[in-house]
Structure formats: structure tokens, C-alpha cells
């Protein structure tokens, strides 16, 4: 199922479905995730020269995430 969904759709589902509905995360937790994803998307945008909307889940593999965290 996730193979057919775009990365932006998956990300939105994570925030609205997982964090808000299932986990009932606090606004501070949601803001922290939001800020971290913004940093990650900016990093990936520079690395791949792609707009965040053009990124795919495959673009954000383990080596990219490791480099981002470094």
C-alpha cells in the first residue's frame, strides 16, 4: 500500500494519523517532529537538487539519514 503513496502523503499521514490520532502526541512533540522533518527535507533538497515535493521515500535511505544526522 505505501508503494503507491507519494512521500508527501505518507508524511502527512504520519502527522495526522500516527502522531495526532494514535499517539495523541503533545503539541511540543509534533512541533519537534515538524522541525526535524523540515531540516531533513532541506538537507535532501540540497543533496539531490530536488524540491521536497519531488522527493521519494527511496531518496531517504539509511545512508542519507546517517549523513543528515552527522
PDB file of N, CA and C in Angstrom:
ATOM      1  N   UNK A   1       0.820  -1.201   0.000  1.00  0.00           N
ATOM      2  CA  UNK A   1       0.000   0.000   0.000  1.00  0.00           C
ATOM      3  C   UNK A   1       0.860   1.259   0.000  1.00  0.00           C
ATOM      4  N   UNK A   2       1.914   1.308   0.800  1.00  0.00           N
ATOM      5  CA  UNK A   2       2.730   2.513   0.870  1.00  0.00           C
ATOM      6  C   UNK A   2       3.493   2.769  -0.420  1.00  0.00           C
ATOM      7  N   UNK A   3       3.695   1.730  -1.245  1.00  0.00           N
ATOM      8  CA  UNK A   3       4.421   1.918  -2.505  1.00  0.00           C
ATOM      9  C   UNK A   3       3.649   2.820  -3.460  1.00  0.00           C
ATOM     10  N   UNK A   4       2.338   2.885  -3.326  1.00  0.00           N
ATOM     11  CA  UNK A   4       1.514   3.692  -4.210  1.00  0.00           C
ATOM     12  C   UNK A   4       1.309   5.118  -3.707  1.00  0.00           C
ATOM     13  N   UNK A   5       1.723   5.395  -2.495  1.00  0.00           N
ATOM     14  CA  UNK A   5       1.512   6.713  -1.915  1.00  0.00           C
ATOM     15  C   UNK A   5       2.758   7.577  -2.107  1.00  0.00           C
ATOM     16  N   UNK A   6       2.551   8.848  -2.375  1.00  0.00           N
ATOM     17  CA  UNK A   6       3.680   9.767  -2.513  1.00  0.00           C
ATOM     18  C   UNK A   6       4.284  10.036  -1.136  1.00  0.00           C
ATOM     19  N   UNK A   7       5.537  10.472  -1.146  1.00  0.00           N
ATOM     20  CA  UNK A   7       6.193  10.790   0.122  1.00  0.00           C
ATOM     21  C   UNK A   7       5.446  11.875   0.892  1.00  0.00           C
ATOM     22  N   UNK A   8       5.007  12.973   0.223  1.00  0.00           N
ATOM     23  CA  UNK A   8       4.242  13.980   0.980  1.00  0.00           C
ATOM     24  C   UNK A   8       2.982  13.403   1.627  1.00  0.00           C
ATOM     25  N   UNK A   9       2.317  12.484   0.941  1.00  0.00           N
ATOM     26  CA  UNK A   9       1.112  11.864   1.503  1.00  0.00           C
ATOM     27  C   UNK A   9       1.469  11.003   2.706  1.00  0.00           C
ATOM     28  N   UNK A  10       2.549  10.248   2.598  1.00  0.00           N
ATOM     29  CA  UNK A  10       2.994   9.435   3.736  1.00  0.00           C
ATOM     30  C   UNK A  10       3.347  10.307   4.937  1.00  0.00           C
ATOM     31  N   UNK A  11       4.015  11.407   4.684  1.00  0.00           N
ATOM     32  CA  UNK A  11       4.411  12.307   5.767  1.00  0.00           C
ATOM     33  C   UNK A  11       3.184  12.930   6.438  1.00  0.00           C
ATOM     34  N   UNK A  12       2.244  13.357   5.629  1.00  0.00           N
ATOM     35  CA  UNK A  12       1.008  13.921   6.191  1.00  0.00           C
ATOM     36  C   UNK A  12       0.264  12.879   7.012  1.00  0.00           C
ATOM     37  N   UNK A  13       0.209  11.651   6.513  1.00  0.00           N
ATOM     38  CA  UNK A  13      -0.466  10.573   7.232  1.00  0.00           C
ATOM     39  C   UNK A  13       0.228  10.294   8.559  1.00  0.00           C
ATOM     40  N   UNK A  14       1.562  10.363   8.565  1.00  0.00           N
ATOM     41  CA  UNK A  14       2.311  10.165   9.804  1.00  0.00           C
ATOM     42  C   UNK A  14       1.909  11.209  10.846  1.00  0.00           C
ATOM     43  N   UNK A  15       1.838  12.464  10.417  1.00  0.00           N
ATOM     44  CA  UNK A  15       1.493  13.521  11.368  1.00  0.00           C
ATOM     45  C   UNK A  15       0.046  13.433  11.821  1.00  0.00           C
ATOM     46  N   UNK A  16      -0.875  13.321  10.877  1.00  0.00           N
ATOM     47  CA  UNK A  16      -2.290  13.347  11.259  1.00  0.00           C
ATOM     48  C   UNK A  16      -2.773  12.019  11.814  1.00  0.00           C
ATOM     49  N   UNK A  17      -2.359  10.934  11.205  1.00  0.00           N
ATOM     50  CA  UNK A  17      -2.837   9.627  11.648  1.00  0.00           C
ATOM     51  C   UNK A  17      -2.095   9.088  12.843  1.00  0.00           C
ATOM     52  N   UNK A  18      -0.792   9.084  12.751  1.00  0.00           N
ATOM     53  CA  UNK A  18       0.016   8.455  13.799  1.00  0.00           C
ATOM     54  C   UNK A  18       0.205   9.367  15.016  1.00  0.00           C
ATOM     55  N   UNK A  19       0.772  10.538  14.805  1.00  0.00           N
ATOM     56  CA  UNK A  19       1.089  11.400  15.946  1.00  0.00           C
ATOM     57  C   UNK A  19      -0.154  11.966  16.621  1.00  0.00           C
ATOM     58  N   UNK A  20      -1.058  12.491  15.821  1.00  0.00           N
ATOM     59  CA  UNK A  20      -2.219  13.176  16.403  1.00  0.00           C
ATOM     60  C   UNK A  20      -3.263  12.184  16.906  1.00  0.00           C
ATOM     61  N   UNK A  21      -3.698  11.290  16.040  1.00  0.00           N
ATOM     62  CA  UNK A  21      -4.815  10.397  16.416  1.00  0.00           C
ATOM     63  C   UNK A  21      -4.381   9.228  17.282  1.00  0.00           C
ATOM     64  N   UNK A  22      -3.376   8.467  16.830  1.00  0.00           N
ATOM     65  CA  UNK A  22      -2.999   7.249  17.547  1.00  0.00           C
ATOM     66  C   UNK A  22      -2.207   7.536  18.813  1.00  0.00           C
ATOM     67  N   UNK A  23      -1.212   8.375  18.708  1.00  0.00           N
ATOM     68  CA  UNK A  23      -0.336   8.627  19.847  1.00  0.00           C
ATOM     69  C   UNK A  23      -0.813   9.768  20.738  1.00  0.00           C
ATOM     70  N   UNK A  24      -1.711  10.592  20.219  1.00  0.00           N
ATOM     71  CA  UNK A  24      -2.179  11.771  20.938  1.00  0.00           C
ATOM     72  C   UNK A  24      -0.988  12.564  21.480  1.00  0.00           C
ATOM     73  N   UNK A  25      -0.028  12.774  20.577  1.00  0.00           N
ATOM     74  CA  UNK A  25       1.212  13.464  20.936  1.00  0.00           C
ATOM     75  C   UNK A  25       0.925  14.915  21.320  1.00  0.00           C
ATOM     76  N   UNK A  26       1.770  15.425  22.179  1.00  0.00           N
ATOM     77  CA  UNK A  26       1.619  16.816  22.615  1.00  0.00           C
ATOM     78  C   UNK A  26       1.995  17.759  21.470  1.00  0.00           C
ATOM     79  N   UNK A  27       1.505  18.979  21.533  1.00  0.00           N
ATOM     80  CA  UNK A  27       1.887  19.962  20.514  1.00  0.00           C
ATOM     81  C   UNK A  27       3.400  20.157  20.422  1.00  0.00           C
ATOM     82  N   UNK A  28       4.100  20.043  21.549  1.00  0.00           N
ATOM     83  CA  UNK A  28       5.555  20.198  21.542  1.00  0.00           C
ATOM     84  C   UNK A  28       6.228  19.047  20.796  1.00  0.00           C
ATOM     85  N   UNK A  29       5.727  17.844  20.988  1.00  0.00           N
ATOM     86  CA  UNK A  29       6.267  16.681  20.279  1.00  0.00           C
ATOM     87  C   UNK A  29       6.032  16.820  18.786  1.00  0.00           C
ATOM     88  N   UNK A  30       4.837  17.211  18.406  1.00  0.00           N
ATOM     89  CA  UNK A  30       4.513  17.387  16.995  1.00  0.00           C
ATOM     90  C   UNK A  30       5.389  18.475  16.385  1.00  0.00           C
ATOM     91  N   UNK A  31       5.592  19.565  17.096  1.00  0.00           N
ATOM     92  CA  UNK A  31       6.446  20.648  16.605  1.00  0.00           C
ATOM     93  C   UNK A  31       7.890  20.177  16.443  1.00  0.00           C
ATOM     94  N   UNK A  32       8.348  19.345  17.353  1.00  0.00           N
ATOM     95  CA  UNK A  32       9.705  18.815  17.267  1.00  0.00           C
ATOM     96  C   UNK A  32       9.870  17.935  16.027  1.00  0.00           C
ATOM     97  N   UNK A  33       8.912  17.061  15.792  1.00  0.00           N
ATOM     98  CA  UNK A  33       8.942  16.235  14.579  1.00  0.00           C
ATOM     99  C   UNK A  33       8.882  17.114  13.332  1.00  0.00           C
ATOM    100  N   UNK A  34       8.005  18.105  13.346  1.00  0.00           N
ATOM    101  CA  UNK A  34       7.873  19.013  12.205  1.00  0.00           C
ATOM    102  C   UNK A  34       9.193  19.702  11.891  1.00  0.00           C
ATOM    103  N   UNK A  35       9.828  20.240  12.929  1.00  0.00           N
ATOM    104  CA  UNK A  35      11.083  20.959  12.729  1.00  0.00           C
ATOM    105  C   UNK A  35      12.181  20.027  12.212  1.00  0.00           C
ATOM    106  N   UNK A  36      12.226  18.813  12.731  1.00  0.00           N
ATOM    107  CA  UNK A  36      13.232  17.850  12.282  1.00  0.00           C
ATOM    108  C   UNK A  36      12.996  17.458  10.831  1.00  0.00           C
ATOM    109  N   UNK A  37      11.750  17.231  10.459  1.00  0.00           N
ATOM    110  CA  UNK A  37      11.459  16.901   9.060  1.00  0.00           C
ATOM    111  C   UNK A  37      11.780  18.079   8.145  1.00  0.00           C
ATOM    112  N   UNK A  38      11.554  19.288   8.599  1.00  0.00           N
ATOM    113  CA  UNK A  38      11.922  20.458   7.785  1.00  0.00           C
ATOM    114  C   UNK A  38      13.419  20.486   7.531  1.00  0.00           C
ATOM    115  N   UNK A  39      14.199  20.221   8.559  1.00  0.00           N
ATOM    116  CA  UNK A  39      15.655  20.172   8.399  1.00  0.00           C
ATOM    117  C   UNK A  39      16.061  19.042   7.450  1.00  0.00           C
ATOM    118  N   UNK A  40      15.460  17.876   7.618  1.00  0.00           N
ATOM    119  CA  UNK A  40      15.765  16.741   6.752  1.00  0.00           C
ATOM    120  C   UNK A  40      15.413  17.041   5.298  1.00  0.00           C
ATOM    121  N   UNK A  41      14.260  17.637   5.070  1.00  0.00           N
ATOM    122  CA  UNK A  41      13.835  17.936   3.702  1.00  0.00           C
ATOM    123  C   UNK A  41      14.729  18.986   3.054  1.00  0.00           C
ATOM    124  N   UNK A  42      15.171  19.970   3.823  1.00  0.00           N
ATOM    125  CA  UNK A  42      16.119  20.959   3.286  1.00  0.00           C
ATOM    126  C   UNK A  42      17.451  20.302   2.935  1.00  0.00           C
ATOM    127  N   UNK A  43      17.905  19.417   3.808  1.00  0.00           N
ATOM    128  CA  UNK A  43      19.144  18.685   3.553  1.00  0.00           C
ATOM    129  C   UNK A  43      19.019  17.852   2.275  1.00  0.00           C
ATOM    130  N   UNK A  44      17.932  17.116   2.155  1.00  0.00           N
ATOM    131  CA  UNK A  44      17.717  16.274   0.972  1.00  0.00           C
ATOM    132  C   UNK A  44      17.557  17.115  -0.288  1.00  0.00           C
ATOM    133  N   UNK A  45      16.923  18.258  -0.168  1.00  0.00           N
ATOM    134  CA  UNK A  45      16.756  19.152  -1.314  1.00  0.00           C
ATOM    135  C   UNK A  45      18.118  19.591  -1.848  1.00  0.00           C
ATOM    136  N   UNK A  46      19.004  19.947  -0.965  1.00  0.00           N
ATOM    137  CA  UNK A  46      20.347  20.364  -1.379  1.00  0.00           C
ATOM    138  C   UNK A  46      21.143  19.188  -1.934  1.00  0.00           C
ATOM    139  N   UNK A  47      21.009  18.041  -1.311  1.00  0.00           N
ATOM    140  CA  UNK A  47      21.784  16.858  -1.711  1.00  0.00           C
ATOM    141  C   UNK A  47      21.366  16.353  -3.094  1.00  0.00           C
ATOM    142  N   UNK A  48      20.055  16.311  -3.354  1.00  0.00           N
ATOM    143  CA  UNK A  48      19.539  15.733  -4.600  1.00  0.00           C
ATOM    144  C   UNK A  48      19.148  16.782  -5.630  1.00  0.00           C
ATOM    145  N   UNK A  49      19.185  18.048  -5.233  1.00  0.00           N
ATOM    146  CA  UNK A  49      18.737  19.123  -6.116  1.00  0.00           C
ATOM    147  C   UNK A  49      17.305  18.868  -6.606  1.00  0.00           C
ATOM    148  N   UNK A  50      16.465  18.485  -5.659  1.00  0.00           N
ATOM    149  CA  UNK A  50      15.048  18.209  -5.923  1.00  0.00           C
ATOM    150  C   UNK A  50      14.214  19.016  -4.930  1.00  0.00           C
ATOM    151  N   UNK A  51      13.088  19.489  -5.406  1.00  0.00           N
ATOM    152  CA  UNK A  51      12.142  20.127  -4.489  1.00  0.00           C
ATOM    153  C   UNK A  51      11.625  19.073  -3.505  1.00  0.00           C
ATOM    154  N   UNK A  52      11.312  19.470  -2.282  1.00  0.00           N
ATOM    155  CA  UNK A  52      10.802  18.491  -1.318  1.00  0.00           C
ATOM    156  C   UNK A  52       9.605  17.683  -1.835  1.00  0.00           C
ATOM    157  N   UNK A  53       8.731  18.314  -2.610  1.00  0.00           N
ATOM    158  CA  UNK A  53       7.585  17.577  -3.153  1.00  0.00           C
ATOM    159  C   UNK A  53       7.992  16.513  -4.159  1.00  0.00           C
ATOM    160  N   UNK A  54       9.184  16.644  -4.738  1.00  0.00           N
ATOM    161  CA  UNK A  54       9.661  15.675  -5.723  1.00  0.00           C
ATOM    162  C   UNK A  54      10.436  14.526  -5.079  1.00  0.00           C
ATOM    163  N   UNK A  55      10.740  14.635  -3.799  1.00  0.00           N
ATOM    164  CA  UNK A  55      11.470  13.571  -3.117  1.00  0.00           C
ATOM    165  C   UNK A  55      10.595  12.333  -2.986  1.00  0.00           C
ATOM    166  N   UNK A  56      11.251  11.192  -2.999  1.00  0.00           N
ATOM    167  CA  UNK A  56      10.538   9.933  -2.776  1.00  0.00           C
ATOM    168  C   UNK A  56      11.063   9.300  -1.494  1.00  0.00           C
ATOM    169  N   UNK A  57      10.341   8.344  -1.011  1.00  0.00           N
ATOM    170  CA  UNK A  57      10.778   7.636   0.183  1.00  0.00           C
ATOM    171  C   UNK A  57      12.109   6.929  -0.085  1.00  0.00           C
ATOM    172  N   UNK A  58      12.303   6.453  -1.305  1.00  0.00           N
ATOM    173  CA  UNK A  58      13.558   5.780  -1.673  1.00  0.00           C
ATOM    174  C   UNK A  58      14.751   6.740  -1.605  1.00  0.00           C
ATOM    175  N   UNK A  59      14.518   8.029  -1.815  1.00  0.00           N
ATOM    176  CA  UNK A  59      15.602   9.007  -1.713  1.00  0.00           C
ATOM    177  C   UNK A  59      16.162   9.076  -0.291  1.00  0.00           C
ATOM    178  N   UNK A  60      15.327   8.824   0.675  1.00  0.00           N
ATOM    179  CA  UNK A  60      15.718   8.984   2.080  1.00  0.00           C
ATOM    180  C   UNK A  60      16.094   7.630   2.680  1.00  0.00           C
ATOM    181  N   UNK A  61      17.119   7.024   2.114  1.00  0.00           N
ATOM    182  CA  UNK A  61      17.565   5.722   2.589  1.00  0.00           C
ATOM    183  C   UNK A  61      18.485   5.880   3.800  1.00  0.00           C
ATOM    184  N   UNK A  62      18.954   4.772   4.331  1.00  0.00           N
ATOM    185  CA  UNK A  62      19.777   4.793   5.540  1.00  0.00           C
ATOM    186  C   UNK A  62      21.044   5.628   5.399  1.00  0.00           C
ATOM    187  N   UNK A  63      21.794   5.526   4.296  1.00  0.00           N
ATOM    188  CA  UNK A  63      22.987   6.371   4.184  1.00  0.00           C
ATOM    189  C   UNK A  63      22.670   7.870   4.189  1.00  0.00           C
ATOM    190  N   UNK A  64      21.588   8.263   3.557  1.00  0.00           N
ATOM    191  CA  UNK A  64      21.202   9.685   3.543  1.00  0.00           C
ATOM    192  C   UNK A  64      20.820  10.135   4.956  1.00  0.00           C
ATOM    193  N   UNK A  65      20.046   9.325   5.656  1.00  0.00           N
ATOM    194  CA  UNK A  65      19.640   9.675   7.015  1.00  0.00           C
ATOM    195  C   UNK A  65      20.868   9.742   7.930  1.00  0.00           C
ATOM    196  N   UNK A  66      21.799   8.800   7.766  1.00  0.00           N
ATOM    197  CA  UNK A  66      23.025   8.817   8.577  1.00  0.00           C
ATOM    198  C   UNK A  66      23.842  10.068   8.324  1.00  0.00           C
ATOM    199  N   UNK A  67      23.964  10.447   7.073  1.00  0.00           N
ATOM    200  CA  UNK A  67      24.706  11.664   6.726  1.00  0.00           C
ATOM    201  C   UNK A  67      24.007  12.890   7.299  1.00  0.00           C
ATOM    202  N   UNK A  68      22.697  12.927   7.215  1.00  0.00           N
ATOM    203  CA  UNK A  68      21.919  14.031   7.785  1.00  0.00           C
ATOM    204  C   UNK A  68      22.172  14.131   9.298  1.00  0.00           C
ATOM    205  N   UNK A  69      22.151  13.019   9.977  1.00  0.00           N
ATOM    206  CA  UNK A  69      22.338  13.029  11.427  1.00  0.00           C
ATOM    207  C   UNK A  69      23.753  13.427  11.830  1.00  0.00           C
ATOM    208  N   UNK A  70      24.709  13.138  10.968  1.00  0.00           N
ATOM    209  CA  UNK A  70      26.094  13.551  11.243  1.00  0.00           C
ATOM    210  C   UNK A  70      26.195  15.059  11.175  1.00  0.00           C
TER     211      UNK A  70
END
